[in-house]
Amino acid sequence: MAPKAAAPAPRLIAVDDHLEFAQQVLSAGSRNLIASHENYLDFLQQVIHPARDILHVHYLKGFHELRVAYVCERYEQIT
């Protein structure tokens, strides 16, 4: 019989001034932080693609590696 899986740890995020700022700049009725005068394609071309080019110069495949690095740093800080 396989061992019983442990209950998942709670995933808590501290609420700070960043959340208040995000709520202030959020377009009415929107669920993302793209400005009402912008569109997703422009955001990809002007922000995401250039950022990915920079990541690739530093031998990072993409944004996932940044998230993983952040989690590792936070784990080290907490433990």
C-alpha atoms as a PDB file:
ATOM      1  CA  MET A   1       0.000   0.000   0.000  1.00  0.00           C
ATOM      2  CA  ALA A   2       1.351   3.406  -0.970  1.00  0.00           C
ATOM      3  CA  PRO A   3       2.051   5.923   1.806  1.00  0.00           C
ATOM      4  CA  LYS A   4      -0.559   8.602   2.362  1.00  0.00           C
ATOM      5  CA  ALA A   5       0.358  11.953   0.818  1.00  0.00           C
ATOM      6  CA  ALA A   6       1.001  14.823   3.210  1.00  0.00           C
ATOM      7  CA  ALA A   7      -1.437  17.722   3.275  1.00  0.00           C
ATOM      8  CA  PRO A   8      -0.222  20.622   1.143  1.00  0.00           C
ATOM      9  CA  ALA A   9       1.357  23.536   2.983  1.00  0.00           C
ATOM     10  CA  PRO A  10      -0.638  26.771   2.946  1.00  0.00           C
ATOM     11  CA  ARG A  11       0.502  29.216   0.271  1.00  0.00           C
ATOM     12  CA  LEU A  12       0.389  32.616   1.916  1.00  0.00           C
ATOM     13  CA  ILE A  13       1.368  35.877   0.270  1.00  0.00           C
ATOM     14  CA  ALA A  14       2.040  38.953   2.373  1.00  0.00           C
ATOM     15  CA  VAL A  15      -0.180  41.872   1.406  1.00  0.00           C
ATOM     16  CA  ASP A  16       1.698  45.135   1.185  1.00  0.00           C
ATOM     17  CA  ASP A  17       1.724  48.436  -0.691  1.00  0.00           C
ATOM     18  CA  HIS A  18       2.242  46.622  -4.004  1.00  0.00           C
ATOM     19  CA  LEU A  19      -1.282  45.212  -3.868  1.00  0.00           C
ATOM     20  CA  GLU A  20      -2.762  48.651  -3.225  1.00  0.00           C
ATOM     21  CA  PHE A  21      -0.795  50.047  -6.176  1.00  0.00           C
ATOM     22  CA  ALA A  22      -1.948  47.199  -8.422  1.00  0.00           C
ATOM     23  CA  GLN A  23      -5.566  47.881  -7.496  1.00  0.00           C
ATOM     24  CA  GLN A  24      -5.126  51.579  -8.293  1.00  0.00           C
ATOM     25  CA  VAL A  25      -3.731  50.977 -11.781  1.00  0.00           C
ATOM     26  CA  LEU A  26      -6.064  48.111 -12.672  1.00  0.00           C
ATOM     27  CA  SER A  27      -8.406  49.022 -15.521  1.00  0.00           C
ATOM     28  CA  ALA A  28     -12.108  48.883 -14.654  1.00  0.00           C
ATOM     29  CA  GLY A  29     -13.488  45.394 -15.258  1.00  0.00           C
ATOM     30  CA  SER A  30     -10.042  43.992 -16.050  1.00  0.00           C
ATOM     31  CA  ARG A  31      -8.279  41.071 -14.390  1.00  0.00           C
ATOM     32  CA  ASN A  32      -4.771  41.966 -15.576  1.00  0.00           C
ATOM     33  CA  LEU A  33      -2.382  44.902 -15.285  1.00  0.00           C
ATOM     34  CA  ILE A  34      -2.259  45.797 -18.969  1.00  0.00           C
ATOM     35  CA  ALA A  35      -3.439  49.389 -19.354  1.00  0.00           C
ATOM     36  CA  SER A  36      -6.807  49.946 -20.960  1.00  0.00           C
ATOM     37  CA  HIS A  37      -5.144  51.651 -23.965  1.00  0.00           C
ATOM     38  CA  GLU A  38      -2.743  48.692 -24.462  1.00  0.00           C
ATOM     39  CA  ASN A  39      -3.368  45.253 -25.877  1.00  0.00           C
ATOM     40  CA  TYR A  40      -1.762  41.898 -25.165  1.00  0.00           C
ATOM     41  CA  LEU A  41       0.031  41.646 -28.522  1.00  0.00           C
ATOM     42  CA  ASP A  42       1.713  45.021 -28.017  1.00  0.00           C
ATOM     43  CA  PHE A  43       2.665  44.011 -24.477  1.00  0.00           C
ATOM     44  CA  LEU A  44       4.256  40.815 -25.784  1.00  0.00           C
ATOM     45  CA  GLN A  45       6.193  42.621 -28.509  1.00  0.00           C
ATOM     46  CA  GLN A  46       7.309  45.600 -26.419  1.00  0.00           C
ATOM     47  CA  VAL A  47       7.928  44.012 -23.009  1.00  0.00           C
ATOM     48  CA  ILE A  48       7.971  40.218 -22.933  1.00  0.00           C
ATOM     49  CA  HIS A  49      10.003  39.483 -26.074  1.00  0.00           C
ATOM     50  CA  PRO A  50      12.782  42.009 -25.273  1.00  0.00           C
ATOM     51  CA  ALA A  51      12.925  40.691 -21.702  1.00  0.00           C
ATOM     52  CA  ARG A  52      13.266  37.120 -22.987  1.00  0.00           C
ATOM     53  CA  ASP A  53      16.136  38.226 -25.233  1.00  0.00           C
ATOM     54  CA  ILE A  54      17.929  39.577 -22.154  1.00  0.00           C
ATOM     55  CA  LEU A  55      17.287  36.350 -20.260  1.00  0.00           C
ATOM     56  CA  HIS A  56      18.696  34.300 -23.138  1.00  0.00           C
ATOM     57  CA  VAL A  57      21.896  36.390 -23.167  1.00  0.00           C
ATOM     58  CA  HIS A  58      22.357  35.293 -19.553  1.00  0.00           C
ATOM     59  CA  TYR A  59      21.686  31.629 -20.419  1.00  0.00           C
ATOM     60  CA  LEU A  60      18.211  31.564 -18.852  1.00  0.00           C
ATOM     61  CA  LYS A  61      15.478  29.832 -20.828  1.00  0.00           C
ATOM     62  CA  GLY A  62      12.675  32.084 -19.641  1.00  0.00           C
ATOM     63  CA  PHE A  63      10.714  33.560 -16.793  1.00  0.00           C
ATOM     64  CA  HIS A  64      10.199  30.203 -15.085  1.00  0.00           C
ATOM     65  CA  GLU A  65      13.883  30.116 -14.137  1.00  0.00           C
ATOM     66  CA  LEU A  66      13.503  33.528 -12.475  1.00  0.00           C
ATOM     67  CA  ARG A  67      10.578  32.260 -10.403  1.00  0.00           C
ATOM     68  CA  VAL A  68      12.546  29.167  -9.410  1.00  0.00           C
ATOM     69  CA  ALA A  69      15.559  31.275  -8.390  1.00  0.00           C
ATOM     70  CA  TYR A  70      13.328  33.525  -6.296  1.00  0.00           C
ATOM     71  CA  VAL A  71      11.736  30.561  -4.527  1.00  0.00           C
ATOM     72  CA  CYS A  72      15.158  29.080  -3.768  1.00  0.00           C
ATOM     73  CA  GLU A  73      16.381  32.390  -2.327  1.00  0.00           C
ATOM     74  CA  ARG A  74      13.242  32.752  -0.186  1.00  0.00           C
ATOM     75  CA  TYR A  75      13.585  29.186   1.058  1.00  0.00           C
ATOM     76  CA  GLU A  76      17.179  29.891   2.105  1.00  0.00           C
ATOM     77  CA  GLN A  77      16.111  33.098   3.869  1.00  0.00           C
ATOM     78  CA  ILE A  78      13.275  31.416   5.732  1.00  0.00           C
ATOM     79  CA  THR A  79      15.177  28.293   6.736  1.00  0.00           C
END
